[in-house]
């Protein structure tokens, strides 16, 4: 099942969008707005633009590929933090964007690129020891966007994680003046999500799943409550085994994973980060060597689904992993 990032929209990644002088800043209230300004809200901050940004910097791969999908490669002054292989449909456009850092971006690196907008899928990338806090960047008159998926508490509680992801697309459309492209992308992916919900009616019981994102110093990080993995599980009639943990990516122990005894495990591949425990292969080896986890039925019977780790984050590619989830559940016999 192909997600919409593999549709014809990707062919327009190098097309130039409407030109315009961009002067971006933070607006503290309606009185500071000009009638011709574009204003959006991102995780509690109001961002205001005189015109479409021309030197956007993305702090992580998820944000990078989303902007490339919207055909904004020529509006990007830099990218950073590669986690997995760049999707084939974005590779040519990605090569044209300056890589400011293959790892986490520092404040110095960000400022050196002279951006007029910073974009990230996760709020944690805006930290003092990373790109700088959003407050610090606001003092430099640099607007900072964070995916709405990463701050659900600041959004309509009735919206799902996918709803918030599609809100991101529409906000990017307004910011960059590519509303039609953004609406088309959101519409295509809404259709994928709607189709996925039909799987739930054909699922026997409610199989449980652990989403294993990363392992650091032998400490597993899994999907907790909220976020896209829990929403993907719910959509297809499965249950995230750690959905009772009120944290998006909690650190747990191998013993806790063993206690949950999931019916199957989704393993994220983050091999481009290059650290021990990042690749799917490393995670599988750790589970098979662990004295307790290796005895789980999901591990012994290889009831494993592999997925690019970036697709567990707020990403234009997340609907692709939704398809991988459905296919994997069918292969494992959970779907009639």
Foldseek 3Di string as FASTA:
>chain_A
DAACLPDPLLVLLQPDDDDDDKQWAFDPDPVPDDPQWQWDDALHTIIIINAAAQAEEEQDDQVVSLSSSLNNLRSYLEYEAAFDDDPPSCVVSVVSHHHLYPRFADLVSVVVSVTQEYEYQEQVSQPNGGNHHQVVVNVVRHHYHYQCQHRVVVDDVPDASLSSLLVVLCSSCRNRVNNVSSVVLSVRNVVLLVVLLVQQVQFDAAFEEWEFQWADPQWTWTAEAGADVQVLSVSNRYGHLRPVDPDGIDTDHLVVVLVSLGPAYEYAARCSVPDQGRGSVNVLVSQCPDPRSVPRPRNVVVLYQYDHSSLRTSHSRVSVVSVSVSVSCVVVPRGD
